[in-house]
Amino acid sequence: MKNFINSTILLFSIIILLNSCDRGPKPIEITNLEVKMDETRKFELKVPSNWINIVTPTKRIISFSNKESQNRFYKYDATGFPGAKIDLQVMSLDSSNTFDMVIEKSKLFPAEYYSAPEKVNIDGVSATKFTYTFELEDGSFDGVTYIATKDNEVATVINFETFANTNELYKDKFDEIFKSIKLAVNPPKRTADTTVQLVEAEPASTTLKNFSGQGFNIQIPDNFRAEVTKANGVIYSRNFTGDRRADCNIRVDVRDAKSTTLKKIAEENQSSIAGASKLNSTKLGGKEAYFLNYSANKDVKGRIFYVINDNKLLQISLTWFVGEEKDYLPTFEKSVNSINFSK
């Protein structure tokens, strides 16, 4: 009888242990695929219909498994949601941006992470493929890039990337998506009496509008929208972004402040951000604040502010594309300096 009780207790303990190991965010599986295509440059691919899909006419189709992973891909954080990304971009080719230059620009990480290039076939033409992988705190980050041109006027760059050992989970669907790719081509040249005008989305407007959040007010560009986001430990979060670039955004996260100093909190966060600068002291809304700068990769930079109001920690994150810094950063700085607080 005693042995039976001991065995029962042991089995119960194992069940509890297994259940505790099963906690944490789960990757978003792909349910169905739908075709996204561009009528002007004729590129297309299948994307997960249950993911976040962003289409920029004539330029890009990008798909994130969810909002949390979208934010992680901006910073390539060492830990976070076990997310995935599919990204098709179109780049013009000329004497200042050759096919070989596009290949080099597509390599965002140190050279030792990349495989040797190999040749594959996409949409009936030869393409360059390379893979890359490295370890982060929550497992392997894996990626593969394909680069091809069908008309020698534009290059199509396709990336598949996954965090936290999820590459195998998505492999079969990624293979199906790869087979669906249609490469971009420039539209036929029109005759002299035909006018063609491509309209691009505008960068951050210099005209700001008011937004009231939980315990704070901030002014944001009037062509930005507020999106609800979620993350572990966050009680309120808004991501402000426009239509031009998904990697240029303002985000405000509100958490309960820990029973320690603001500087200590900022230092703890600083140590977990790759490429973070030293901490700098400042004032936001008349309150003590700290901020740091970081480089997510060679093309994306960021700045994070920390301030406490009414026992709540506010983290204000700015992210911008280096190539359009002059169109975003001054407005973003004006926006964060407009913040004021309430209870």
C-alpha atoms as a PDB file:
ATOM      1  CA  MET A   1       0.000   0.000   0.000  1.00  0.00           C
ATOM      2  CA  LYS A   2       2.835   2.354   0.915  1.00  0.00           C
ATOM      3  CA  ASN A   3       4.588   1.615  -2.379  1.00  0.00           C
ATOM      4  CA  PHE A   4       1.349   2.316  -4.252  1.00  0.00           C
ATOM      5  CA  ILE A   5       0.969   5.721  -2.545  1.00  0.00           C
ATOM      6  CA  ASN A   6       4.596   6.605  -3.241  1.00  0.00           C
ATOM      7  CA  SER A   7       4.183   5.633  -6.918  1.00  0.00           C
ATOM      8  CA  THR A   8       1.026   7.722  -7.176  1.00  0.00           C
ATOM      9  CA  ILE A   9       2.757  10.752  -5.651  1.00  0.00           C
ATOM     10  CA  LEU A  10       5.696  10.299  -8.052  1.00  0.00           C
ATOM     11  CA  LEU A  11       3.385  10.068 -11.073  1.00  0.00           C
ATOM     12  CA  PHE A  12       1.470  13.155  -9.933  1.00  0.00           C
ATOM     13  CA  SER A  13       4.755  15.068  -9.521  1.00  0.00           C
ATOM     14  CA  ILE A  14       5.852  14.114 -13.040  1.00  0.00           C
ATOM     15  CA  ILE A  15       2.547  15.354 -14.472  1.00  0.00           C
ATOM     16  CA  ILE A  16       2.931  18.681 -12.659  1.00  0.00           C
ATOM     17  CA  LEU A  17       6.511  18.991 -13.934  1.00  0.00           C
ATOM     18  CA  LEU A  18       5.478  18.274 -17.513  1.00  0.00           C
ATOM     19  CA  ASN A  19       2.663  20.799 -17.306  1.00  0.00           C
ATOM     20  CA  SER A  20       5.008  23.446 -15.911  1.00  0.00           C
ATOM     21  CA  CYS A  21       7.434  22.838 -18.786  1.00  0.00           C
ATOM     22  CA  ASP A  22       4.574  23.405 -21.232  1.00  0.00           C
ATOM     23  CA  ARG A  23       4.114  27.031 -20.253  1.00  0.00           C
ATOM     24  CA  GLY A  24       5.182  29.991 -22.339  1.00  0.00           C
ATOM     25  CA  PRO A  25       4.108  31.378 -25.710  1.00  0.00           C
ATOM     26  CA  LYS A  26       3.370  28.913 -28.488  1.00  0.00           C
ATOM     27  CA  PRO A  27       4.384  29.582 -32.112  1.00  0.00           C
ATOM     28  CA  ILE A  28       1.536  30.493 -34.437  1.00  0.00           C
ATOM     29  CA  GLU A  29       1.030  27.632 -36.864  1.00  0.00           C
ATOM     30  CA  ILE A  30       0.030  28.230 -40.474  1.00  0.00           C
ATOM     31  CA  THR A  31      -3.592  27.264 -41.121  1.00  0.00           C
ATOM     32  CA  ASN A  32      -4.326  28.334 -44.695  1.00  0.00           C
ATOM     33  CA  LEU A  33      -2.430  30.117 -47.453  1.00  0.00           C
ATOM     34  CA  GLU A  34      -3.679  32.918 -49.683  1.00  0.00           C
ATOM     35  CA  VAL A  35      -2.071  34.537 -52.728  1.00  0.00           C
ATOM     36  CA  LYS A  36      -0.835  38.121 -52.559  1.00  0.00           C
ATOM     37  CA  MET A  37       0.212  39.744 -55.827  1.00  0.00           C
ATOM     38  CA  ASP A  38       1.213  43.083 -57.284  1.00  0.00           C
ATOM     39  CA  GLU A  39      -0.544  44.112 -60.503  1.00  0.00           C
ATOM     40  CA  THR A  40       2.183  46.540 -61.601  1.00  0.00           C
ATOM     41  CA  ARG A  41       5.363  44.524 -61.140  1.00  0.00           C
ATOM     42  CA  LYS A  42       3.644  41.119 -61.289  1.00  0.00           C
ATOM     43  CA  PHE A  43       5.341  39.590 -58.223  1.00  0.00           C
ATOM     44  CA  GLU A  44       3.340  37.244 -56.035  1.00  0.00           C
ATOM     45  CA  LEU A  45       3.568  34.538 -53.385  1.00  0.00           C
ATOM     46  CA  LYS A  46       1.337  32.669 -50.995  1.00  0.00           C
ATOM     47  CA  VAL A  47       1.192  33.944 -47.394  1.00  0.00           C
ATOM     48  CA  PRO A  48      -0.459  32.548 -44.238  1.00  0.00           C
ATOM     49  CA  SER A  49      -3.991  33.924 -44.078  1.00  0.00           C
ATOM     50  CA  ASN A  50      -3.957  33.825 -40.247  1.00  0.00           C
ATOM     51  CA  TRP A  51      -0.737  35.900 -39.975  1.00  0.00           C
ATOM     52  CA  ILE A  52      -0.205  39.680 -40.190  1.00  0.00           C
ATOM     53  CA  ASN A  53       0.291  40.526 -43.871  1.00  0.00           C
ATOM     54  CA  ILE A  54       1.549  43.928 -45.035  1.00  0.00           C
ATOM     55  CA  VAL A  55       1.620  44.769 -48.745  1.00  0.00           C
ATOM     56  CA  THR A  56       3.436  47.833 -50.115  1.00  0.00           C
ATOM     57  CA  PRO A  57       2.447  48.279 -53.781  1.00  0.00           C
ATOM     58  CA  THR A  58       5.292  47.659 -56.307  1.00  0.00           C
ATOM     59  CA  LYS A  59       7.794  47.046 -53.473  1.00  0.00           C
ATOM     60  CA  ARG A  60       7.075  44.472 -50.778  1.00  0.00           C
ATOM     61  CA  ILE A  61       4.993  41.719 -49.233  1.00  0.00           C
ATOM     62  CA  ILE A  62       5.856  40.917 -45.619  1.00  0.00           C
ATOM     63  CA  SER A  63       4.144  38.436 -43.301  1.00  0.00           C
ATOM     64  CA  PHE A  64       4.663  38.132 -39.508  1.00  0.00           C
ATOM     65  CA  SER A  65       3.261  35.277 -37.444  1.00  0.00           C
ATOM     66  CA  ASN A  66       1.822  37.836 -34.961  1.00  0.00           C
ATOM     67  CA  LYS A  67       2.379  41.275 -33.396  1.00  0.00           C
ATOM     68  CA  GLU A  68       4.815  40.049 -30.743  1.00  0.00           C
ATOM     69  CA  SER A  69       7.085  38.444 -33.322  1.00  0.00           C
ATOM     70  CA  GLN A  70       6.760  41.497 -35.582  1.00  0.00           C
ATOM     71  CA  ASN A  71       8.213  43.649 -32.810  1.00  0.00           C
ATOM     72  CA  ARG A  72      10.949  41.084 -32.116  1.00  0.00           C
ATOM     73  CA  PHE A  73      12.083  41.127 -35.759  1.00  0.00           C
ATOM     74  CA  TYR A  74      12.647  44.893 -35.530  1.00  0.00           C
ATOM     75  CA  LYS A  75      15.214  44.394 -32.738  1.00  0.00           C
ATOM     76  CA  TYR A  76      16.235  40.715 -33.096  1.00  0.00           C
ATOM     77  CA  ASP A  77      15.893  40.344 -29.316  1.00  0.00           C
ATOM     78  CA  ALA A  78      17.731  37.442 -27.657  1.00  0.00           C
ATOM     79  CA  THR A  79      14.449  36.208 -26.123  1.00  0.00           C
ATOM     80  CA  GLY A  80      10.803  36.715 -26.969  1.00  0.00           C
ATOM     81  CA  PHE A  81       7.970  35.205 -28.970  1.00  0.00           C
ATOM     82  CA  PRO A  82       8.918  32.108 -31.021  1.00  0.00           C
ATOM     83  CA  GLY A  83       7.830  33.872 -34.209  1.00  0.00           C
ATOM     84  CA  ALA A  84       8.479  33.672 -37.933  1.00  0.00           C
ATOM     85  CA  LYS A  85       8.629  36.032 -40.913  1.00  0.00           C
ATOM     86  CA  ILE A  86       8.242  35.769 -44.691  1.00  0.00           C
ATOM     87  CA  ASP A  87       9.498  38.803 -46.601  1.00  0.00           C
ATOM     88  CA  LEU A  88       9.540  39.545 -50.347  1.00  0.00           C
ATOM     89  CA  GLN A  89      11.185  42.807 -51.415  1.00  0.00           C
ATOM     90  CA  VAL A  90      11.782  44.325 -54.839  1.00  0.00           C
ATOM     91  CA  MET A  91      14.950  46.356 -55.483  1.00  0.00           C
ATOM     92  CA  SER A  92      15.805  48.297 -58.654  1.00  0.00           C
ATOM     93  CA  LEU A  93      19.011  47.343 -60.471  1.00  0.00           C
ATOM     94  CA  ASP A  94      21.350  49.876 -62.100  1.00  0.00           C
ATOM     95  CA  SER A  95      25.028  50.797 -62.137  1.00  0.00           C
ATOM     96  CA  SER A  96      24.840  52.006 -58.523  1.00  0.00           C
ATOM     97  CA  ASN A  97      22.966  48.944 -57.275  1.00  0.00           C
ATOM     98  CA  THR A  98      24.096  45.832 -59.114  1.00  0.00           C
ATOM     99  CA  PHE A  99      22.874  42.289 -58.503  1.00  0.00           C
ATOM    100  CA  ASP A 100      26.062  41.493 -56.541  1.00  0.00           C
ATOM    101  CA  MET A 101      25.512  44.602 -54.406  1.00  0.00           C
ATOM    102  CA  VAL A 102      21.969  43.460 -53.604  1.00  0.00           C
ATOM    103  CA  ILE A 103      23.365  40.111 -52.427  1.00  0.00           C
ATOM    104  CA  GLU A 104      25.785  41.838 -50.048  1.00  0.00           C
ATOM    105  CA  LYS A 105      23.158  44.278 -48.762  1.00  0.00           C
ATOM    106  CA  SER A 106      20.906  41.328 -47.933  1.00  0.00           C
ATOM    107  CA  LYS A 107      23.424  39.988 -45.403  1.00  0.00           C
ATOM    108  CA  LEU A 108      22.563  41.780 -42.164  1.00  0.00           C
ATOM    109  CA  PHE A 109      24.583  39.619 -39.771  1.00  0.00           C
ATOM    110  CA  PRO A 110      28.300  38.723 -39.345  1.00  0.00           C
ATOM    111  CA  ALA A 111      29.767  36.713 -42.234  1.00  0.00           C
ATOM    112  CA  GLU A 112      30.498  33.623 -40.120  1.00  0.00           C
ATOM    113  CA  TYR A 113      26.751  32.932 -39.733  1.00  0.00           C
ATOM    114  CA  TYR A 114      26.214  32.452 -43.484  1.00  0.00           C
ATOM    115  CA  SER A 115      26.564  29.392 -45.685  1.00  0.00           C
ATOM    116  CA  ALA A 116      28.300  29.459 -49.044  1.00  0.00           C
ATOM    117  CA  PRO A 117      25.942  30.659 -51.826  1.00  0.00           C
ATOM    118  CA  GLU A 118      24.272  28.068 -54.012  1.00  0.00           C
ATOM    119  CA  LYS A 119      22.149  28.150 -57.147  1.00  0.00           C
ATOM    120  CA  VAL A 120      18.452  27.211 -57.195  1.00  0.00           C
ATOM    121  CA  ASN A 121      15.579  27.770 -59.631  1.00  0.00           C
ATOM    122  CA  ILE A 122      12.746  30.249 -58.978  1.00  0.00           C
ATOM    123  CA  ASP A 123      10.017  31.052 -61.488  1.00  0.00           C
ATOM    124  CA  GLY A 124      12.074  29.589 -64.333  1.00  0.00           C
ATOM    125  CA  VAL A 125      15.294  31.532 -63.668  1.00  0.00           C
ATOM    126  CA  SER A 126      18.472  30.909 -61.677  1.00  0.00           C
ATOM    127  CA  ALA A 127      18.548  32.369 -58.155  1.00  0.00           C
ATOM    128  CA  THR A 128      21.212  32.757 -55.476  1.00  0.00           C
ATOM    129  CA  LYS A 129      20.446  31.109 -52.140  1.00  0.00           C
ATOM    130  CA  PHE A 130      22.245  31.320 -48.800  1.00  0.00           C
ATOM    131  CA  THR A 131      21.246  30.185 -45.313  1.00  0.00           C
ATOM    132  CA  TYR A 132      22.215  31.619 -41.930  1.00  0.00           C
ATOM    133  CA  THR A 133      21.813  30.534 -38.327  1.00  0.00           C
ATOM    134  CA  PHE A 134      22.980  31.469 -34.835  1.00  0.00           C
ATOM    135  CA  GLU A 135      22.035  30.742 -31.255  1.00  0.00           C
ATOM    136  CA  LEU A 136      19.974  33.085 -29.061  1.00  0.00           C
ATOM    137  CA  GLU A 137      18.890  32.642 -25.453  1.00  0.00           C
ATOM    138  CA  ASP A 138      15.691  30.787 -26.400  1.00  0.00           C
ATOM    139  CA  GLY A 139      17.162  28.657 -29.173  1.00  0.00           C
ATOM    140  CA  SER A 140      18.277  28.786 -32.770  1.00  0.00           C
ATOM    141  CA  PHE A 141      17.525  31.678 -35.117  1.00  0.00           C
ATOM    142  CA  ASP A 142      17.356  30.363 -38.693  1.00  0.00           C
ATOM    143  CA  GLY A 143      17.011  32.109 -42.018  1.00  0.00           C
ATOM    144  CA  VAL A 144      17.258  31.538 -45.743  1.00  0.00           C
ATOM    145  CA  THR A 145      17.491  34.186 -48.470  1.00  0.00           C
ATOM    146  CA  TYR A 146      16.799  33.859 -52.195  1.00  0.00           C
ATOM    147  CA  ILE A 147      17.764  36.575 -54.703  1.00  0.00           C
ATOM    148  CA  ALA A 148      16.854  36.516 -58.389  1.00  0.00           C
ATOM    149  CA  THR A 149      16.112  38.764 -61.351  1.00  0.00           C
ATOM    150  CA  LYS A 150      13.868  38.002 -64.297  1.00  0.00           C
ATOM    151  CA  ASP A 151      14.484  41.106 -66.417  1.00  0.00           C
ATOM    152  CA  ASN A 152      17.837  42.490 -65.116  1.00  0.00           C
ATOM    153  CA  GLU A 153      15.970  45.658 -64.142  1.00  0.00           C
ATOM    154  CA  VAL A 154      14.690  44.661 -60.703  1.00  0.00           C
ATOM    155  CA  ALA A 155      15.837  42.044 -58.183  1.00  0.00           C
ATOM    156  CA  THR A 156      13.450  40.056 -55.999  1.00  0.00           C
ATOM    157  CA  VAL A 157      14.747  39.231 -52.497  1.00  0.00           C
ATOM    158  CA  ILE A 158      12.856  36.632 -50.443  1.00  0.00           C
ATOM    159  CA  ASN A 159      13.598  35.859 -46.771  1.00  0.00           C
ATOM    160  CA  PHE A 160      12.209  33.116 -44.525  1.00  0.00           C
ATOM    161  CA  GLU A 161      13.242  33.571 -40.866  1.00  0.00           C
ATOM    162  CA  THR A 162      12.326  31.831 -37.605  1.00  0.00           C
ATOM    163  CA  PHE A 163      13.113  32.270 -33.901  1.00  0.00           C
ATOM    164  CA  ALA A 164      13.405  29.702 -31.101  1.00  0.00           C
ATOM    165  CA  ASN A 165      13.943  26.410 -32.949  1.00  0.00           C
ATOM    166  CA  THR A 166      10.701  26.732 -34.957  1.00  0.00           C
ATOM    167  CA  ASN A 167      12.269  26.191 -38.387  1.00  0.00           C
ATOM    168  CA  GLU A 168      11.138  22.565 -38.597  1.00  0.00           C
ATOM    169  CA  LEU A 169       7.578  23.501 -37.599  1.00  0.00           C
ATOM    170  CA  TYR A 170       7.233  25.743 -40.648  1.00  0.00           C
ATOM    171  CA  LYS A 171       9.424  23.832 -43.119  1.00  0.00           C
ATOM    172  CA  ASP A 172       6.674  22.119 -45.154  1.00  0.00           C
ATOM    173  CA  LYS A 173       4.576  25.284 -45.497  1.00  0.00           C
ATOM    174  CA  PHE A 174       7.665  27.357 -46.321  1.00  0.00           C
ATOM    175  CA  ASP A 175       8.464  24.877 -49.113  1.00  0.00           C
ATOM    176  CA  GLU A 176       4.948  25.332 -50.516  1.00  0.00           C
ATOM    177  CA  ILE A 177       5.281  29.121 -50.310  1.00  0.00           C
ATOM    178  CA  PHE A 178       8.683  28.965 -52.037  1.00  0.00           C
ATOM    179  CA  LYS A 179       7.134  27.104 -54.978  1.00  0.00           C
ATOM    180  CA  SER A 180       4.460  29.812 -55.327  1.00  0.00           C
ATOM    181  CA  ILE A 181       6.913  32.695 -55.855  1.00  0.00           C
ATOM    182  CA  LYS A 182       6.567  34.813 -58.986  1.00  0.00           C
ATOM    183  CA  LEU A 183       9.430  37.243 -59.524  1.00  0.00           C
ATOM    184  CA  ALA A 184       9.015  40.972 -60.061  1.00  0.00           C
ATOM    185  CA  VAL A 185       9.510  42.627 -63.444  1.00  0.00           C
ATOM    186  CA  ASN A 186       9.363  46.262 -64.431  1.00  0.00           C
ATOM    187  CA  PRO A 187       6.178  47.183 -66.284  1.00  0.00           C
ATOM    188  CA  PRO A 188       6.497  47.732 -70.057  1.00  0.00           C
ATOM    189  CA  LYS A 189       7.547  51.237 -71.027  1.00  0.00           C
ATOM    190  CA  ARG A 190       4.592  53.346 -72.092  1.00  0.00           C
ATOM    191  CA  THR A 191       4.392  55.489 -75.199  1.00  0.00           C
ATOM    192  CA  ALA A 192       5.151  59.187 -74.914  1.00  0.00           C
ATOM    193  CA  ASP A 193       1.478  60.182 -74.778  1.00  0.00           C
ATOM    194  CA  THR A 194       0.808  57.945 -71.755  1.00  0.00           C
ATOM    195  CA  THR A 195       1.464  59.175 -68.215  1.00  0.00           C
ATOM    196  CA  VAL A 196       2.021  56.624 -65.458  1.00  0.00           C
ATOM    197  CA  GLN A 197       2.173  57.781 -61.842  1.00  0.00           C
ATOM    198  CA  LEU A 198       3.060  55.489 -58.950  1.00  0.00           C
ATOM    199  CA  VAL A 199       1.963  56.865 -55.586  1.00  0.00           C
ATOM    200  CA  GLU A 200       4.024  55.895 -52.539  1.00  0.00           C
ATOM    201  CA  ALA A 201       2.845  56.183 -48.968  1.00  0.00           C
ATOM    202  CA  GLU A 202       4.214  59.248 -47.182  1.00  0.00           C
ATOM    203  CA  PRO A 203       6.770  59.078 -44.325  1.00  0.00           C
ATOM    204  CA  ALA A 204       5.867  60.322 -40.840  1.00  0.00           C
ATOM    205  CA  SER A 205       3.865  63.531 -41.071  1.00  0.00           C
ATOM    206  CA  THR A 206       5.316  66.575 -39.304  1.00  0.00           C
ATOM    207  CA  THR A 207       1.778  67.469 -38.245  1.00  0.00           C
ATOM    208  CA  LEU A 208       1.004  65.773 -34.940  1.00  0.00           C
ATOM    209  CA  LYS A 209      -2.282  64.696 -33.374  1.00  0.00           C
ATOM    210  CA  ASN A 210      -3.104  63.953 -29.719  1.00  0.00           C
ATOM    211  CA  PHE A 211      -3.416  60.429 -28.352  1.00  0.00           C
ATOM    212  CA  SER A 212      -4.481  59.629 -24.784  1.00  0.00           C
ATOM    213  CA  GLY A 213      -3.294  56.343 -23.288  1.00  0.00           C
ATOM    214  CA  GLN A 214      -3.270  54.747 -19.849  1.00  0.00           C
ATOM    215  CA  GLY A 215      -1.694  57.412 -17.637  1.00  0.00           C
ATOM    216  CA  PHE A 216      -0.116  59.379 -20.482  1.00  0.00           C
ATOM    217  CA  ASN A 217      -0.816  61.668 -23.423  1.00  0.00           C
ATOM    218  CA  ILE A 218       1.383  61.844 -26.495  1.00  0.00           C
ATOM    219  CA  GLN A 219       1.324  63.509 -29.900  1.00  0.00           C
ATOM    220  CA  ILE A 220       1.916  61.240 -32.900  1.00  0.00           C
ATOM    221  CA  PRO A 221       2.135  61.901 -36.668  1.00  0.00           C
ATOM    222  CA  ASP A 222      -1.364  62.462 -38.028  1.00  0.00           C
ATOM    223  CA  ASN A 223      -0.837  59.821 -40.740  1.00  0.00           C
ATOM    224  CA  PHE A 224      -0.016  57.137 -38.128  1.00  0.00           C
ATOM    225  CA  ARG A 225      -2.537  54.752 -36.599  1.00  0.00           C
ATOM    226  CA  ALA A 226      -2.591  53.194 -33.112  1.00  0.00           C
ATOM    227  CA  GLU A 227      -2.477  49.395 -32.993  1.00  0.00           C
ATOM    228  CA  VAL A 228      -3.172  47.332 -29.872  1.00  0.00           C
ATOM    229  CA  THR A 229      -0.244  45.015 -29.037  1.00  0.00           C
ATOM    230  CA  LYS A 230       0.334  42.436 -26.314  1.00  0.00           C
ATOM    231  CA  ALA A 231       3.407  41.075 -24.540  1.00  0.00           C
ATOM    232  CA  ASN A 232       4.167  39.222 -21.314  1.00  0.00           C
ATOM    233  CA  GLY A 233       3.975  41.463 -18.257  1.00  0.00           C
ATOM    234  CA  VAL A 234       2.563  44.439 -20.205  1.00  0.00           C
ATOM    235  CA  ILE A 235      -0.718  45.872 -18.946  1.00  0.00           C
ATOM    236  CA  TYR A 236      -1.180  48.392 -21.784  1.00  0.00           C
ATOM    237  CA  SER A 237       0.562  48.714 -25.141  1.00  0.00           C
ATOM    238  CA  ARG A 238       0.109  50.735 -28.328  1.00  0.00           C
ATOM    239  CA  ASN A 239       2.185  50.635 -31.511  1.00  0.00           C
ATOM    240  CA  PHE A 240       1.997  53.739 -33.710  1.00  0.00           C
ATOM    241  CA  THR A 241       2.891  53.167 -37.348  1.00  0.00           C
ATOM    242  CA  GLY A 242       2.168  54.460 -40.855  1.00  0.00           C
ATOM    243  CA  ASP A 243       1.742  52.793 -44.241  1.00  0.00           C
ATOM    244  CA  ARG A 244       5.162  53.513 -45.728  1.00  0.00           C
ATOM    245  CA  ARG A 245       7.475  51.355 -43.574  1.00  0.00           C
ATOM    246  CA  ALA A 246       6.730  48.699 -40.948  1.00  0.00           C
ATOM    247  CA  ASP A 247      10.207  49.253 -39.434  1.00  0.00           C
ATOM    248  CA  CYS A 248       9.533  52.923 -38.574  1.00  0.00           C
ATOM    249  CA  ASN A 249       7.306  53.114 -35.522  1.00  0.00           C
ATOM    250  CA  ILE A 250       6.685  54.505 -32.039  1.00  0.00           C
ATOM    251  CA  ARG A 251       5.609  52.091 -29.315  1.00  0.00           C
ATOM    252  CA  VAL A 252       4.498  52.695 -25.715  1.00  0.00           C
ATOM    253  CA  ASP A 253       4.388  49.797 -23.225  1.00  0.00           C
ATOM    254  CA  VAL A 254       3.087  50.207 -19.656  1.00  0.00           C
ATOM    255  CA  ARG A 255       4.076  47.789 -16.877  1.00  0.00           C
ATOM    256  CA  ASP A 256       3.838  47.749 -13.105  1.00  0.00           C
ATOM    257  CA  ALA A 257       7.023  49.358 -11.764  1.00  0.00           C
ATOM    258  CA  LYS A 258       9.253  47.029  -9.775  1.00  0.00           C
ATOM    259  CA  SER A 259      10.211  47.893  -6.202  1.00  0.00           C
ATOM    260  CA  THR A 260      13.551  49.345  -7.262  1.00  0.00           C
ATOM    261  CA  THR A 261      14.896  52.556  -8.765  1.00  0.00           C
ATOM    262  CA  LEU A 262      14.227  53.715 -12.313  1.00  0.00           C
ATOM    263  CA  LYS A 263      17.942  53.642 -13.077  1.00  0.00           C
ATOM    264  CA  LYS A 264      18.204  50.031 -11.895  1.00  0.00           C
ATOM    265  CA  ILE A 265      15.292  49.039 -14.135  1.00  0.00           C
ATOM    266  CA  ALA A 266      16.887  50.807 -17.100  1.00  0.00           C
ATOM    267  CA  GLU A 267      20.226  49.100 -16.430  1.00  0.00           C
ATOM    268  CA  GLU A 268      18.584  45.664 -16.293  1.00  0.00           C
ATOM    269  CA  ASN A 269      16.888  46.289 -19.633  1.00  0.00           C
ATOM    270  CA  GLN A 270      20.097  47.688 -21.131  1.00  0.00           C
ATOM    271  CA  SER A 271      21.952  44.440 -20.445  1.00  0.00           C
ATOM    272  CA  SER A 272      19.368  42.421 -22.427  1.00  0.00           C
ATOM    273  CA  ILE A 273      19.452  44.551 -25.618  1.00  0.00           C
ATOM    274  CA  ALA A 274      22.065  43.649 -28.221  1.00  0.00           C
ATOM    275  CA  GLY A 275      24.174  46.616 -29.310  1.00  0.00           C
ATOM    276  CA  ALA A 276      22.769  48.937 -26.635  1.00  0.00           C
ATOM    277  CA  SER A 277      24.604  52.200 -25.938  1.00  0.00           C
ATOM    278  CA  LYS A 278      25.320  53.616 -22.495  1.00  0.00           C
ATOM    279  CA  LEU A 279      22.368  54.975 -20.512  1.00  0.00           C
ATOM    280  CA  ASN A 280      21.619  58.685 -20.782  1.00  0.00           C
ATOM    281  CA  SER A 281      19.551  60.711 -18.321  1.00  0.00           C
ATOM    282  CA  THR A 282      16.850  63.093 -19.539  1.00  0.00           C
ATOM    283  CA  LYS A 283      13.402  64.466 -18.641  1.00  0.00           C
ATOM    284  CA  LEU A 284      10.048  63.404 -20.064  1.00  0.00           C
ATOM    285  CA  GLY A 285       6.919  65.294 -19.074  1.00  0.00           C
ATOM    286  CA  GLY A 286       8.883  66.881 -16.235  1.00  0.00           C
ATOM    287  CA  LYS A 287       9.875  63.483 -14.797  1.00  0.00           C
ATOM    288  CA  GLU A 288      13.253  61.791 -14.487  1.00  0.00           C
ATOM    289  CA  ALA A 289      13.888  59.461 -17.415  1.00  0.00           C
ATOM    290  CA  TYR A 290      16.653  57.389 -19.010  1.00  0.00           C
ATOM    291  CA  PHE A 291      17.218  56.378 -22.616  1.00  0.00           C
ATOM    292  CA  LEU A 292      19.596  54.286 -24.704  1.00  0.00           C
ATOM    293  CA  ASN A 293      20.267  53.835 -28.405  1.00  0.00           C
ATOM    294  CA  TYR A 294      20.774  50.525 -30.200  1.00  0.00           C
ATOM    295  CA  SER A 295      21.214  49.113 -33.704  1.00  0.00           C
ATOM    296  CA  ALA A 296      18.886  46.238 -34.543  1.00  0.00           C
ATOM    297  CA  ASN A 297      20.976  45.690 -37.694  1.00  0.00           C
ATOM    298  CA  LYS A 298      22.871  47.834 -40.198  1.00  0.00           C
ATOM    299  CA  ASP A 299      19.616  49.184 -41.680  1.00  0.00           C
ATOM    300  CA  VAL A 300      17.478  49.737 -38.558  1.00  0.00           C
ATOM    301  CA  LYS A 301      18.208  51.839 -35.470  1.00  0.00           C
ATOM    302  CA  GLY A 302      16.255  52.382 -32.300  1.00  0.00           C
ATOM    303  CA  ARG A 303      15.987  54.418 -29.103  1.00  0.00           C
ATOM    304  CA  ILE A 304      14.223  53.353 -25.896  1.00  0.00           C
ATOM    305  CA  PHE A 305      13.087  55.657 -23.057  1.00  0.00           C
ATOM    306  CA  TYR A 306      12.203  54.577 -19.488  1.00  0.00           C
ATOM    307  CA  VAL A 307      10.126  56.706 -17.100  1.00  0.00           C
ATOM    308  CA  ILE A 308       7.930  55.987 -14.058  1.00  0.00           C
ATOM    309  CA  ASN A 309       4.532  57.591 -13.479  1.00  0.00           C
ATOM    310  CA  ASP A 310       2.101  56.668 -10.690  1.00  0.00           C
ATOM    311  CA  ASN A 311       3.984  53.410  -9.931  1.00  0.00           C
ATOM    312  CA  LYS A 312       3.833  52.412 -13.593  1.00  0.00           C
ATOM    313  CA  LEU A 313       6.884  51.949 -15.816  1.00  0.00           C
ATOM    314  CA  LEU A 314       6.485  53.423 -19.293  1.00  0.00           C
ATOM    315  CA  GLN A 315       8.816  52.190 -22.018  1.00  0.00           C
ATOM    316  CA  ILE A 316       8.716  54.350 -25.157  1.00  0.00           C
ATOM    317  CA  SER A 317      10.481  52.756 -28.131  1.00  0.00           C
ATOM    318  CA  LEU A 318      11.395  54.528 -31.379  1.00  0.00           C
ATOM    319  CA  THR A 319      12.490  52.475 -34.410  1.00  0.00           C
ATOM    320  CA  TRP A 320      13.519  53.841 -37.801  1.00  0.00           C
ATOM    321  CA  PHE A 321      15.069  52.785 -41.119  1.00  0.00           C
ATOM    322  CA  VAL A 322      18.557  54.268 -41.468  1.00  0.00           C
ATOM    323  CA  GLY A 323      18.024  55.161 -45.139  1.00  0.00           C
ATOM    324  CA  GLU A 324      15.073  57.423 -44.248  1.00  0.00           C
ATOM    325  CA  GLU A 325      16.284  58.697 -40.866  1.00  0.00           C
ATOM    326  CA  LYS A 326      15.875  62.351 -41.851  1.00  0.00           C
ATOM    327  CA  ASP A 327      12.206  61.725 -42.699  1.00  0.00           C
ATOM    328  CA  TYR A 328      11.388  59.991 -39.391  1.00  0.00           C
ATOM    329  CA  LEU A 329      13.759  60.711 -36.495  1.00  0.00           C
ATOM    330  CA  PRO A 330      13.114  64.488 -36.082  1.00  0.00           C
ATOM    331  CA  THR A 331       9.353  63.857 -35.970  1.00  0.00           C
ATOM    332  CA  PHE A 332       9.770  60.894 -33.602  1.00  0.00           C
ATOM    333  CA  GLU A 333      11.917  63.039 -31.249  1.00  0.00           C
ATOM    334  CA  LYS A 334       9.261  65.757 -31.304  1.00  0.00           C
ATOM    335  CA  SER A 335       6.621  63.133 -30.543  1.00  0.00           C
ATOM    336  CA  VAL A 336       8.386  61.604 -27.514  1.00  0.00           C
ATOM    337  CA  ASN A 337       9.141  65.079 -26.107  1.00  0.00           C
ATOM    338  CA  SER A 338       5.424  65.913 -26.254  1.00  0.00           C
ATOM    339  CA  ILE A 339       4.523  63.265 -23.670  1.00  0.00           C
ATOM    340  CA  ASN A 340       2.826  64.282 -20.425  1.00  0.00           C
ATOM    341  CA  PHE A 341       1.354  62.211 -17.644  1.00  0.00           C
ATOM    342  CA  SER A 342      -1.882  61.756 -15.715  1.00  0.00           C
ATOM    343  CA  LYS A 343      -3.192  59.279 -13.158  1.00  0.00           C
END
